[in-house]
Amino acid sequence: MIIDAHGHVHDPVRLHLEALDAAGVDKAVLFPTRPHPERATDLAGLRREFAVLDGALGGTDGSREAFAGALDEVSAAVADHPDRFLGFGSVPLELPDAQVERAVAEDVVGRGLHGIGELTPAPGRAGRLEPVLRAAADHGGLPVVVHGFAPTTAEDLRTLAALSRRHPRVPLVVSQLGGLHWMEAVELVRDTPGMYLELSTAFLVIAVRLAVRALPERTLFGSDAPYGDPVVARAMVERATDSPELQERVLGGNAAGLLGLAGRAG
């Protein structure tokens, strides 16, 4: 089974399904999103969507009400295509701890979603994930996915590793190979057993090659579609892996184990 561990809701969803089919991907993890860059038809339109993205990446532009529409999109896509999508739900991080934990219970678990993410703490605020990790542990160890590219800092990655060591029953996934800090991300994940590294947005083949060698059982193929493309992301992994067994793990086996899909057909 090939699993894209990082995708966002497309408008229309058909565009995402076509991209997955072109890449031979069986299932995709689906994160909620407020920006929709795939809607843009010119640079001005893309700038408008990226302005929304900038607010989301700042980590402070959110309330449960603001997230509701994006969560509804995820729920609808999963309901329409349960054989293709595994929905995750995001929660605002700057709420009081009790409200964050309530959001996990109601907006993630209550919707029957598979995990929490993609979370985007403001720079220097990765510690705000602690109530999310507590709630994830309370609900059986839900996987939690955190944005890894800018504006995430190296210090944020170190904070995430410290949090993971405090909450070892919760799988904590750093997305996008840790962005510009990929070397430190590989080392931190290697030394923190509860962490995983997702490989989308990698800009160097050698970065992917070294990551999968260091973390053969904890690296995950992902595309970050619509920002990335499943065909291109899969080709990157295939070029970077030096054995069929390792390729199979990274393209789907590791994600299947993380998501409780190991041993299931289709």
Protein backbone atom coordinates (compact mmCIF):
# COMPACT_ATOMS: atom_id res chain seq x y z
CA MET A 1 0.00 0.00 0.00
CA ILE A 2 1.35 3.44 -0.98
CA ILE A 3 0.34 6.15 1.50
CA ASP A 4 0.91 9.86 1.01
CA ALA A 5 1.36 11.01 4.60
CA HIS A 6 0.85 14.70 3.88
CA GLY A 7 -1.95 16.20 1.81
CA HIS A 8 -4.42 19.06 2.13
CA VAL A 9 -8.03 19.31 1.00
CA HIS A 10 -8.30 20.36 -2.65
CA ASP A 11 -11.10 22.37 -4.21
CA PRO A 12 -12.45 20.45 -6.02
CA VAL A 13 -11.40 17.17 -4.37
CA ARG A 14 -11.29 15.60 -7.84
CA LEU A 15 -7.95 17.36 -8.47
CA HIS A 16 -6.40 15.57 -5.50
CA LEU A 17 -7.75 12.18 -6.53
CA GLU A 18 -6.36 12.64 -10.03
CA ALA A 19 -2.93 13.50 -8.63
CA LEU A 20 -2.96 10.46 -6.35
CA ASP A 21 -4.01 8.21 -9.22
CA ALA A 22 -1.21 9.55 -11.41
CA ALA A 23 1.30 8.68 -8.66
CA GLY A 24 -0.16 5.24 -7.95
CA VAL A 25 -0.98 6.28 -4.38
CA ASP A 26 -3.61 4.19 -2.58
CA LYS A 27 -4.41 6.47 0.35
CA ALA A 28 -3.55 9.95 1.57
CA VAL A 29 -3.55 11.60 4.96
CA LEU A 30 -5.75 14.67 4.60
CA PHE A 31 -5.19 17.80 6.67
CA PRO A 32 -7.62 20.72 6.90
CA THR A 33 -6.60 23.96 5.24
CA ARG A 34 -7.88 27.49 4.98
CA PRO A 35 -5.74 28.61 2.01
CA HIS A 36 -6.47 26.89 -1.31
CA PRO A 37 -3.59 27.70 -3.69
CA GLU A 38 -4.98 25.25 -6.25
CA ARG A 39 -7.82 27.72 -6.85
CA ALA A 40 -5.44 30.38 -8.15
CA THR A 41 -5.29 30.96 -11.88
CA ASP A 42 -2.68 33.72 -11.84
CA LEU A 43 -0.03 35.24 -9.60
CA ALA A 44 -2.43 37.73 -8.04
CA GLY A 45 -4.77 34.92 -7.03
CA LEU A 46 -1.88 32.95 -5.59
CA ARG A 47 -0.77 35.96 -3.56
CA ARG A 48 -4.25 36.16 -2.03
CA GLU A 49 -4.17 32.50 -1.04
CA PHE A 50 -0.65 32.82 0.35
CA ALA A 51 -1.75 35.78 2.47
CA VAL A 52 -4.18 33.39 4.16
CA LEU A 53 -1.36 30.85 4.49
CA ASP A 54 0.90 33.44 6.16
CA GLY A 55 -1.73 33.98 8.83
CA ALA A 56 -2.08 30.25 9.42
CA LEU A 57 1.68 29.74 9.66
CA GLY A 58 1.91 32.49 12.27
CA GLY A 59 0.15 30.18 14.67
CA THR A 60 -2.04 32.87 16.23
CA ASP A 61 -4.69 33.31 13.51
CA GLY A 62 -7.20 30.81 14.79
CA SER A 63 -10.20 30.00 16.90
CA ARG A 64 -12.35 26.90 16.92
CA GLU A 65 -14.93 28.80 14.89
CA ALA A 66 -12.32 29.81 12.31
CA PHE A 67 -11.18 26.18 11.99
CA ALA A 68 -14.71 24.78 11.63
CA GLY A 69 -15.05 25.31 7.89
CA ALA A 70 -11.73 23.63 7.14
CA LEU A 71 -12.66 20.70 9.38
CA ASP A 72 -15.98 20.38 7.58
CA GLU A 73 -14.10 20.12 4.27
CA VAL A 74 -11.97 17.27 5.63
CA SER A 75 -14.97 15.44 7.03
CA ALA A 76 -16.83 15.76 3.73
CA ALA A 77 -13.90 14.53 1.65
CA VAL A 78 -13.38 11.52 3.94
CA ALA A 79 -17.08 10.70 3.91
CA ASP A 80 -17.17 10.83 0.10
CA HIS A 81 -13.92 8.86 -0.39
CA PRO A 82 -13.28 6.72 2.71
CA ASP A 83 -11.16 4.31 0.68
CA ARG A 84 -8.71 7.09 -0.31
CA PHE A 85 -8.47 9.57 2.57
CA LEU A 86 -7.50 9.37 6.25
CA GLY A 87 -8.65 12.58 7.88
CA PHE A 88 -6.73 14.54 10.51
CA GLY A 89 -8.02 17.55 12.43
CA SER A 90 -6.23 20.70 13.48
CA VAL A 91 -6.83 22.67 16.68
CA PRO A 92 -5.95 26.26 17.69
CA LEU A 93 -2.84 26.24 19.85
CA GLU A 94 -3.14 29.61 21.58
CA LEU A 95 -6.31 28.75 23.48
CA PRO A 96 -6.15 27.95 27.22
CA ASP A 97 -5.01 24.39 27.85
CA ALA A 98 -8.43 23.08 28.83
CA GLN A 99 -9.96 24.48 25.64
CA VAL A 100 -7.22 22.93 23.50
CA GLU A 101 -7.92 19.56 25.09
CA ARG A 102 -11.66 20.03 24.55
CA ALA A 103 -11.03 20.88 20.89
CA VAL A 104 -9.12 17.62 20.46
CA ALA A 105 -11.96 15.67 22.03
CA GLU A 106 -14.72 17.32 20.03
CA ASP A 107 -13.13 18.42 16.73
CA VAL A 108 -10.80 15.45 16.16
CA VAL A 109 -12.01 12.44 18.13
CA GLY A 110 -15.63 13.52 17.89
CA ARG A 111 -15.39 13.60 14.10
CA GLY A 112 -13.79 10.15 13.93
CA LEU A 113 -10.52 11.49 12.53
CA HIS A 114 -7.26 9.52 12.61
CA GLY A 115 -4.97 12.09 14.19
CA ILE A 116 -4.13 15.72 14.90
CA GLY A 117 -2.48 18.09 12.47
CA GLU A 118 -0.95 19.72 10.67
CA LEU A 119 -0.26 22.04 13.62
CA THR A 120 1.58 25.32 13.03
CA PRO A 121 2.84 26.91 16.25
CA ALA A 122 4.21 30.42 16.00
CA PRO A 123 8.03 30.63 16.01
CA GLY A 124 9.32 30.03 19.50
CA ARG A 125 5.93 28.69 20.64
CA ALA A 126 6.33 24.96 19.99
CA GLY A 127 5.79 24.40 23.70
CA ARG A 128 2.10 25.10 23.08
CA LEU A 129 1.84 21.53 21.79
CA GLU A 130 1.99 20.11 25.31
CA PRO A 131 -1.79 20.18 25.96
CA VAL A 132 -2.34 18.63 22.52
CA LEU A 133 0.03 15.80 23.36
CA ARG A 134 -1.69 15.24 26.70
CA ALA A 135 -5.04 15.02 24.95
CA ALA A 136 -3.62 12.72 22.26
CA ALA A 137 -2.34 10.40 24.98
CA ASP A 138 -5.74 10.44 26.70
CA HIS A 139 -7.33 9.25 23.45
CA GLY A 140 -5.11 6.25 22.89
CA GLY A 141 -1.99 7.88 21.50
CA LEU A 142 -3.29 9.72 18.44
CA PRO A 143 -0.49 10.70 16.04
CA VAL A 144 0.30 14.43 16.00
CA VAL A 145 1.79 16.14 12.93
CA VAL A 146 3.65 19.46 13.20
CA HIS A 147 4.64 21.82 10.40
CA GLY A 148 8.38 21.47 9.86
CA PHE A 149 9.28 24.12 7.28
CA ALA A 150 9.65 27.87 7.93
CA PRO A 151 8.72 29.59 10.16
CA THR A 152 9.59 26.58 12.36
CA THR A 153 13.01 27.18 13.90
CA ALA A 154 15.78 24.85 15.00
CA GLU A 155 14.92 25.70 18.60
CA ASP A 156 11.30 24.73 17.92
CA LEU A 157 12.49 21.33 16.68
CA ARG A 158 14.49 20.85 19.87
CA THR A 159 11.41 21.79 21.90
CA LEU A 160 9.36 19.22 19.98
CA ALA A 161 11.94 16.53 20.74
CA ALA A 162 11.82 17.39 24.45
CA LEU A 163 8.02 17.22 24.40
CA SER A 164 8.11 13.87 22.64
CA ARG A 165 10.38 12.47 25.33
CA ARG A 166 7.83 13.62 27.94
CA HIS A 167 4.96 12.00 26.02
CA PRO A 168 6.49 8.86 24.54
CA ARG A 169 3.12 7.15 23.85
CA VAL A 170 2.16 9.82 21.31
CA PRO A 171 3.74 9.53 17.83
CA LEU A 172 4.99 13.02 16.93
CA VAL A 173 5.61 13.63 13.22
CA VAL A 174 7.76 16.51 11.99
CA SER A 175 6.63 17.32 8.47
CA GLN A 176 8.54 18.60 5.44
CA LEU A 177 11.83 17.07 6.62
CA GLY A 178 12.28 19.93 9.07
CA GLY A 179 12.75 22.45 6.26
CA LEU A 180 16.07 24.29 6.27
CA HIS A 181 16.97 22.57 9.54
CA TRP A 182 16.78 19.08 8.06
CA MET A 183 20.14 17.89 9.39
CA GLU A 184 19.19 18.71 12.97
CA ALA A 185 15.72 17.26 12.38
CA VAL A 186 17.22 13.93 11.29
CA GLU A 187 19.44 13.83 14.38
CA LEU A 188 16.65 14.78 16.77
CA VAL A 189 14.21 12.23 15.35
CA ARG A 190 16.92 9.56 15.32
CA ASP A 191 17.55 10.13 19.04
CA THR A 192 13.86 10.42 20.04
CA PRO A 193 12.02 7.10 19.62
CA GLY A 194 8.53 8.62 19.58
CA MET A 195 9.23 10.92 16.63
CA TYR A 196 8.81 10.45 12.86
CA LEU A 197 10.02 12.52 9.92
CA GLU A 198 7.82 13.18 6.89
CA LEU A 199 9.68 13.94 3.67
CA SER A 200 7.59 16.38 1.63
CA THR A 201 9.03 19.65 0.35
CA ALA A 202 12.56 18.22 0.37
CA PHE A 203 14.75 20.32 -1.88
CA LEU A 204 17.80 18.02 -1.89
CA VAL A 205 17.75 14.37 -2.92
CA ILE A 206 20.73 13.76 -0.65
CA ALA A 207 18.66 15.01 2.31
CA VAL A 208 16.00 12.38 1.65
CA ARG A 209 18.65 9.70 1.07
CA LEU A 210 20.40 10.39 4.37
CA ALA A 211 17.11 10.66 6.26
CA VAL A 212 15.80 7.26 5.13
CA ARG A 213 19.14 5.62 5.87
CA ALA A 214 19.20 7.07 9.37
CA LEU A 215 15.48 6.40 10.02
CA PRO A 216 14.39 3.44 7.88
CA GLU A 217 11.36 2.73 10.10
CA ARG A 218 10.41 6.32 10.94
CA THR A 219 10.47 8.22 7.64
CA LEU A 220 7.23 8.82 5.73
CA PHE A 221 6.59 9.60 2.07
CA GLY A 222 4.49 12.74 1.67
CA SER A 223 3.74 15.28 -1.04
CA ASP A 224 2.25 18.31 0.77
CA ALA A 225 -0.21 18.52 -2.12
CA PRO A 226 -1.33 20.94 -3.53
CA TYR A 227 1.95 22.74 -2.70
CA GLY A 228 3.83 19.64 -3.85
CA ASP A 229 2.95 16.86 -6.26
CA PRO A 230 2.56 13.16 -5.41
CA VAL A 231 4.26 12.02 -8.63
CA VAL A 232 7.33 14.17 -8.00
CA ALA A 233 7.48 13.31 -4.29
CA ARG A 234 7.26 9.58 -5.01
CA ALA A 235 10.03 9.84 -7.62
CA MET A 236 12.23 11.60 -5.05
CA VAL A 237 11.80 8.74 -2.56
CA GLU A 238 12.38 6.10 -5.21
CA ARG A 239 15.61 7.78 -6.32
CA ALA A 240 16.77 8.15 -2.72
CA THR A 241 16.17 4.57 -1.54
CA ASP A 242 18.67 1.86 -2.30
CA SER A 243 16.62 -1.28 -1.66
CA PRO A 244 13.09 -2.48 -2.49
CA GLU A 245 12.46 -3.24 1.19
CA LEU A 246 13.43 0.25 2.31
CA GLN A 247 11.40 1.82 -0.49
CA GLU A 248 8.33 -0.16 0.53
CA ARG A 249 8.70 0.96 4.14
CA VAL A 250 9.05 4.64 3.31
CA LEU A 251 6.33 4.73 0.65
CA GLY A 252 3.71 3.12 2.82
CA GLY A 253 4.76 0.51 5.35
CA ASN A 254 5.86 2.96 8.02
CA ALA A 255 2.73 5.06 7.64
CA ALA A 256 0.52 1.96 7.70
CA GLY A 257 2.04 0.94 11.02
CA LEU A 258 1.71 4.44 12.45
CA LEU A 259 -1.94 4.71 11.40
CA GLY A 260 -2.94 1.20 12.43
CA LEU A 261 -3.42 0.01 8.85
CA ALA A 262 -0.70 -2.66 8.79
CA GLY A 263 -2.05 -5.97 7.59
CA ARG A 264 -5.17 -4.48 5.99
CA ALA A 265 -5.79 -4.87 2.30
CA GLY A 266 -6.69 -1.84 0.16
